[in-house]
């Protein structure tokens, strides 16, 4: 299996950016309640910045591509 050369941090930022854009598009087109998705993403980004881990980093850290990058 070939893994990309992206670091875990870059993948997390890409995931957060994608989810934030999705939240804005859904809030504009479907319902303003989708802004809560953007809030959830922001809380997880702060959690990663302060604690060094968030739910997405824990899940991605268990994959073979990023297994060595997670700090205990």
N, C-alpha and C. Protein backbone atom coordinates (compact mmCIF):
# COMPACT_ATOMS: atom_id res chain seq x y z
N UNK A 1 0.85 -1.19 0.00
CA UNK A 1 0.00 0.00 0.00
C UNK A 1 0.88 1.24 0.00
N UNK A 2 0.57 2.16 -0.86
CA UNK A 2 1.36 3.37 -0.99
C UNK A 2 0.66 4.51 -0.24
N UNK A 3 1.39 5.16 0.62
CA UNK A 3 0.85 6.29 1.38
C UNK A 3 1.32 7.59 0.76
N UNK A 4 0.51 8.62 0.91
CA UNK A 4 0.89 9.92 0.38
C UNK A 4 1.97 10.53 1.27
N UNK A 5 2.60 11.54 0.78
CA UNK A 5 3.67 12.20 1.51
C UNK A 5 3.14 13.35 2.37
N UNK A 6 1.85 13.47 2.49
CA UNK A 6 1.26 14.51 3.33
C UNK A 6 1.40 14.14 4.80
N UNK A 7 1.67 15.13 5.62
CA UNK A 7 1.75 14.88 7.05
C UNK A 7 0.34 14.84 7.64
N UNK A 8 0.23 14.31 8.83
CA UNK A 8 -1.06 14.24 9.52
C UNK A 8 -1.64 15.63 9.71
N UNK A 9 -0.80 16.59 10.06
CA UNK A 9 -1.28 17.95 10.29
C UNK A 9 -1.87 18.55 9.02
N UNK A 10 -1.22 18.34 7.89
CA UNK A 10 -1.73 18.87 6.62
C UNK A 10 -3.04 18.22 6.24
N UNK A 11 -3.16 16.93 6.47
CA UNK A 11 -4.41 16.23 6.17
C UNK A 11 -5.53 16.75 7.07
N UNK A 12 -5.23 16.98 8.34
CA UNK A 12 -6.24 17.51 9.26
C UNK A 12 -6.69 18.91 8.85
N UNK A 13 -5.76 19.76 8.44
CA UNK A 13 -6.14 21.10 7.98
C UNK A 13 -6.99 21.02 6.72
N UNK A 14 -6.64 20.13 5.80
CA UNK A 14 -7.44 19.96 4.58
C UNK A 14 -8.85 19.46 4.92
N UNK A 15 -8.94 18.51 5.83
CA UNK A 15 -10.23 17.99 6.26
C UNK A 15 -11.07 19.08 6.93
N UNK A 16 -10.44 19.86 7.80
CA UNK A 16 -11.17 20.93 8.49
C UNK A 16 -11.64 22.00 7.50
N UNK A 17 -10.80 22.35 6.55
CA UNK A 17 -11.20 23.34 5.55
C UNK A 17 -12.35 22.85 4.69
N UNK A 18 -12.29 21.59 4.30
CA UNK A 18 -13.37 21.01 3.50
C UNK A 18 -14.68 20.99 4.27
N UNK A 19 -14.62 20.58 5.52
CA UNK A 19 -15.83 20.51 6.33
C UNK A 19 -16.40 21.91 6.61
N UNK A 20 -15.54 22.90 6.77
CA UNK A 20 -16.00 24.26 7.00
C UNK A 20 -16.69 24.80 5.75
N UNK A 21 -16.09 24.59 4.58
CA UNK A 21 -16.74 25.01 3.34
C UNK A 21 -18.07 24.30 3.13
N UNK A 22 -18.11 23.02 3.42
CA UNK A 22 -19.35 22.26 3.31
C UNK A 22 -20.41 22.82 4.25
N UNK A 23 -20.02 23.17 5.47
CA UNK A 23 -20.97 23.73 6.43
C UNK A 23 -21.55 25.04 5.92
N UNK A 24 -20.71 25.89 5.34
CA UNK A 24 -21.19 27.18 4.84
C UNK A 24 -22.14 26.97 3.65
N UNK A 25 -21.76 26.11 2.72
CA UNK A 25 -22.63 25.85 1.56
C UNK A 25 -23.97 25.28 2.01
N UNK A 26 -23.93 24.32 2.93
CA UNK A 26 -25.19 23.73 3.41
C UNK A 26 -26.02 24.74 4.20
N UNK A 27 -25.36 25.62 4.95
CA UNK A 27 -26.09 26.63 5.71
C UNK A 27 -26.79 27.62 4.78
N UNK A 28 -26.16 27.95 3.67
CA UNK A 28 -26.75 28.89 2.71
C UNK A 28 -27.86 28.23 1.91
N UNK A 29 -27.67 26.98 1.52
CA UNK A 29 -28.62 26.34 0.62
C UNK A 29 -29.70 25.52 1.31
N UNK A 30 -29.41 24.96 2.49
CA UNK A 30 -30.36 24.06 3.13
C UNK A 30 -30.95 24.66 4.40
N UNK A 31 -30.08 24.86 5.41
CA UNK A 31 -30.58 25.35 6.69
C UNK A 31 -29.44 26.01 7.46
N UNK A 32 -29.73 27.11 8.15
CA UNK A 32 -28.70 27.76 8.97
C UNK A 32 -28.18 26.87 10.10
N UNK A 33 -28.90 25.83 10.44
CA UNK A 33 -28.45 24.91 11.49
C UNK A 33 -27.14 24.20 11.12
N UNK A 34 -26.81 24.15 9.84
CA UNK A 34 -25.56 23.54 9.43
C UNK A 34 -24.34 24.35 9.88
N UNK A 35 -24.55 25.58 10.34
CA UNK A 35 -23.44 26.35 10.90
C UNK A 35 -22.89 25.68 12.16
N UNK A 36 -23.70 24.87 12.80
CA UNK A 36 -23.21 24.12 13.97
C UNK A 36 -22.10 23.16 13.57
N UNK A 37 -22.11 22.67 12.35
CA UNK A 37 -21.03 21.82 11.86
C UNK A 37 -19.73 22.62 11.83
N UNK A 38 -19.80 23.87 11.39
CA UNK A 38 -18.62 24.74 11.40
C UNK A 38 -18.11 24.99 12.80
N UNK A 39 -19.03 25.15 13.74
CA UNK A 39 -18.63 25.33 15.15
C UNK A 39 -17.94 24.08 15.66
N UNK A 40 -18.46 22.91 15.33
CA UNK A 40 -17.85 21.65 15.75
C UNK A 40 -16.43 21.51 15.18
N UNK A 41 -16.25 21.90 13.94
CA UNK A 41 -14.93 21.85 13.32
C UNK A 41 -13.97 22.80 14.04
N UNK A 42 -14.43 24.00 14.34
CA UNK A 42 -13.58 24.97 15.04
C UNK A 42 -13.19 24.49 16.43
N UNK A 43 -14.11 23.89 17.14
CA UNK A 43 -13.80 23.35 18.47
C UNK A 43 -12.75 22.25 18.37
N UNK A 44 -12.87 21.41 17.36
CA UNK A 44 -11.87 20.35 17.18
C UNK A 44 -10.51 20.91 16.80
N UNK A 45 -10.47 21.99 16.03
CA UNK A 45 -9.19 22.62 15.69
C UNK A 45 -8.53 23.19 16.94
N UNK A 46 -9.30 23.82 17.79
CA UNK A 46 -8.74 24.35 19.03
C UNK A 46 -8.28 23.21 19.94
N UNK A 47 -9.03 22.14 19.96
CA UNK A 47 -8.64 20.98 20.75
C UNK A 47 -7.30 20.42 20.27
N UNK A 48 -7.12 20.35 18.95
CA UNK A 48 -5.85 19.87 18.40
C UNK A 48 -4.72 20.84 18.73
N UNK A 49 -4.99 22.14 18.65
CA UNK A 49 -3.96 23.14 18.93
C UNK A 49 -3.54 23.13 20.40
N UNK A 50 -4.49 22.94 21.29
CA UNK A 50 -4.18 23.00 22.72
C UNK A 50 -3.71 21.67 23.31
N UNK A 51 -4.33 20.58 22.88
CA UNK A 51 -4.03 19.28 23.48
C UNK A 51 -3.16 18.39 22.61
N UNK A 52 -3.03 18.75 21.34
CA UNK A 52 -2.23 17.94 20.43
C UNK A 52 -2.98 16.77 19.82
N UNK A 53 -4.26 16.68 20.09
CA UNK A 53 -5.07 15.60 19.51
C UNK A 53 -6.53 16.04 19.45
N UNK A 54 -7.23 15.50 18.47
CA UNK A 54 -8.66 15.70 18.32
C UNK A 54 -9.23 14.38 17.81
N UNK A 55 -10.53 14.22 17.79
CA UNK A 55 -11.07 12.94 17.32
C UNK A 55 -10.58 12.52 15.94
N UNK A 56 -10.48 13.46 15.01
CA UNK A 56 -10.02 13.10 13.67
C UNK A 56 -8.55 12.67 13.68
N UNK A 57 -7.72 13.32 14.49
CA UNK A 57 -6.30 12.94 14.54
C UNK A 57 -6.13 11.57 15.17
N UNK A 58 -6.97 11.23 16.11
CA UNK A 58 -6.90 9.91 16.74
C UNK A 58 -7.28 8.82 15.74
N UNK A 59 -8.35 9.06 14.98
CA UNK A 59 -8.78 8.08 13.98
C UNK A 59 -7.74 7.96 12.87
N UNK A 60 -7.27 9.09 12.34
CA UNK A 60 -6.27 9.04 11.28
C UNK A 60 -4.93 8.49 11.79
N UNK A 61 -4.62 8.74 13.05
CA UNK A 61 -3.37 8.23 13.62
C UNK A 61 -3.33 6.72 13.70
N UNK A 62 -4.47 6.07 13.63
CA UNK A 62 -4.53 4.61 13.67
C UNK A 62 -4.40 3.97 12.29
N UNK A 63 -4.40 4.79 11.25
CA UNK A 63 -4.23 4.25 9.90
C UNK A 63 -2.75 3.97 9.65
N UNK A 64 -2.44 3.04 8.76
CA UNK A 64 -1.04 2.70 8.51
C UNK A 64 -0.19 3.87 8.01
N UNK A 65 -0.80 4.81 7.30
CA UNK A 65 -0.03 5.92 6.74
C UNK A 65 0.47 6.90 7.80
N UNK A 66 -0.26 7.04 8.89
CA UNK A 66 0.09 8.04 9.90
C UNK A 66 0.41 7.42 11.26
N UNK A 67 0.58 6.13 11.33
CA UNK A 67 0.73 5.44 12.61
C UNK A 67 1.89 6.00 13.43
N UNK A 68 2.99 6.36 12.82
CA UNK A 68 4.16 6.84 13.56
C UNK A 68 4.11 8.30 13.92
N UNK A 69 3.12 9.04 13.46
CA UNK A 69 3.09 10.48 13.67
C UNK A 69 2.38 10.93 14.94
N UNK A 70 1.54 10.09 15.50
CA UNK A 70 0.80 10.48 16.71
C UNK A 70 1.71 10.40 17.93
N UNK A 71 1.61 11.42 18.77
CA UNK A 71 2.37 11.43 20.01
C UNK A 71 1.47 10.97 21.13
N UNK A 72 1.99 10.16 22.05
CA UNK A 72 1.13 9.67 23.14
C UNK A 72 0.67 10.76 24.07
